[in-house]
Protein backbone atom coordinates (compact mmCIF):
# COMPACT_ATOMS: atom_id res chain seq x y z
CA UNK A 1 0.00 0.00 0.00
CA UNK A 2 2.32 2.78 1.17
CA UNK A 3 1.86 6.42 0.21
CA UNK A 4 3.62 9.23 -1.61
CA UNK A 5 5.01 12.33 0.09
CA UNK A 6 7.26 15.10 -1.22
CA UNK A 7 10.62 15.77 0.36
CA UNK A 8 12.36 19.00 -0.56
CA UNK A 9 16.08 18.95 -0.02
CA UNK A 10 19.05 21.18 -0.61
CA UNK A 11 22.32 19.69 -1.76
CA UNK A 12 25.69 21.42 -1.52
CA UNK A 13 28.39 20.48 -3.99
CA UNK A 14 32.08 21.17 -3.96
CA UNK A 15 33.03 21.91 -7.57
CA UNK A 16 36.60 21.82 -8.86
CA UNK A 17 37.08 24.39 -11.60
CA UNK A 18 39.65 23.49 -14.23
CA UNK A 19 42.55 25.77 -15.11
CA UNK A 20 40.57 26.78 -18.22
CA UNK A 21 37.54 27.66 -16.06
CA UNK A 22 39.71 29.69 -13.67
CA UNK A 23 41.10 31.62 -16.64
CA UNK A 24 37.53 32.39 -17.81
CA UNK A 25 36.65 33.61 -14.31
CA UNK A 26 39.74 35.80 -14.24
CA UNK A 27 38.89 37.26 -17.65
CA UNK A 28 35.29 37.92 -16.58
CA UNK A 29 36.48 39.73 -13.44
CA UNK A 30 38.87 41.86 -15.48
CA UNK A 31 36.15 42.69 -18.03
CA UNK A 32 33.62 43.64 -15.33
CA UNK A 33 35.93 45.40 -12.88
CA UNK A 34 33.81 48.57 -12.91
CA UNK A 35 30.51 46.68 -12.54
CA UNK A 36 31.33 44.69 -9.41
CA UNK A 37 29.14 45.69 -6.49
CA UNK A 38 31.19 44.08 -3.74
CA UNK A 39 34.61 44.78 -2.29
CA UNK A 40 34.82 41.13 -1.25
CA UNK A 41 36.85 39.15 -3.82
CA UNK A 42 35.10 35.90 -2.83
CA UNK A 43 31.66 37.37 -3.60
CA UNK A 44 32.94 38.72 -6.92
CA UNK A 45 34.39 35.33 -7.87
CA UNK A 46 31.07 33.69 -7.01
CA UNK A 47 29.26 36.24 -9.17
CA UNK A 48 31.64 35.58 -12.05
CA UNK A 49 31.17 31.82 -11.79
CA UNK A 50 27.37 32.25 -11.66
CA UNK A 51 27.38 34.48 -14.75
CA UNK A 52 29.66 32.17 -16.72
CA UNK A 53 27.64 29.12 -15.70
CA UNK A 54 24.29 30.73 -16.53
CA UNK A 55 25.56 31.57 -20.02
CA UNK A 56 26.87 28.03 -20.54
CA UNK A 57 30.49 29.15 -20.70
CA UNK A 58 31.57 26.85 -17.88
CA UNK A 59 29.99 23.70 -16.49
CA UNK A 60 29.61 22.87 -12.82
CA UNK A 61 27.89 19.52 -12.54
CA UNK A 62 30.03 17.22 -14.65
CA UNK A 63 30.85 13.99 -12.80
CA UNK A 64 34.56 14.72 -12.76
CA UNK A 65 34.04 18.24 -11.38
CA UNK A 66 31.57 17.99 -8.54
CA UNK A 67 31.32 16.11 -5.29
CA UNK A 68 28.29 16.18 -3.03
CA UNK A 69 29.52 17.71 0.21
CA UNK A 70 26.35 18.17 2.26
CA UNK A 71 22.59 17.60 2.16
CA UNK A 72 19.76 19.06 4.19
CA UNK A 73 16.06 18.20 4.21
CA UNK A 74 14.16 21.47 3.96
CA UNK A 75 10.52 20.40 3.94
CA UNK A 76 8.27 17.34 3.94
CA UNK A 77 4.73 17.68 2.62
CA UNK A 78 1.82 15.86 1.04
CA UNK A 79 2.52 14.81 -2.55
CA UNK A 80 0.30 15.98 -5.36
CA UNK A 81 0.96 12.55 -6.89
CA UNK A 82 -0.77 10.74 -4.03
CA UNK A 83 -4.13 9.82 -5.52
CA UNK A 84 -5.80 8.89 -2.24
CA UNK A 85 -6.99 11.16 0.53
CA UNK A 86 -5.47 10.85 4.02
CA UNK A 87 -8.69 9.29 5.35
CA UNK A 88 -8.46 6.53 2.74
CA UNK A 89 -4.93 5.70 3.82
CA UNK A 90 -5.20 6.05 7.60
CA UNK A 91 -8.92 5.67 8.23
CA UNK A 92 -11.52 8.27 9.22
CA UNK A 93 -11.06 7.65 12.96
CA UNK A 94 -7.48 8.97 12.97
CA UNK A 95 -8.63 12.48 12.02
CA UNK A 96 -11.74 12.78 14.25
């Protein structure tokens, strides 16, 4: 019998950027020096990586690049794919 629920999780990955990727990040930072909103180099590097990734200029999730480093369950809720109502699964008396 069983039942379906939804579990929302967040996964953190540690991604190793290749020398070629690092060069692209460096070039992006140099090209956008006047547009950077932060004085924190780490934030600016993260922004560069995000921009390059979102434009498909670097990849992050290739098997040889990323390693799952942490996972956290954020939320558990009723699944829209569960076709039965709670009363059908557990019985009316449980919810009275």
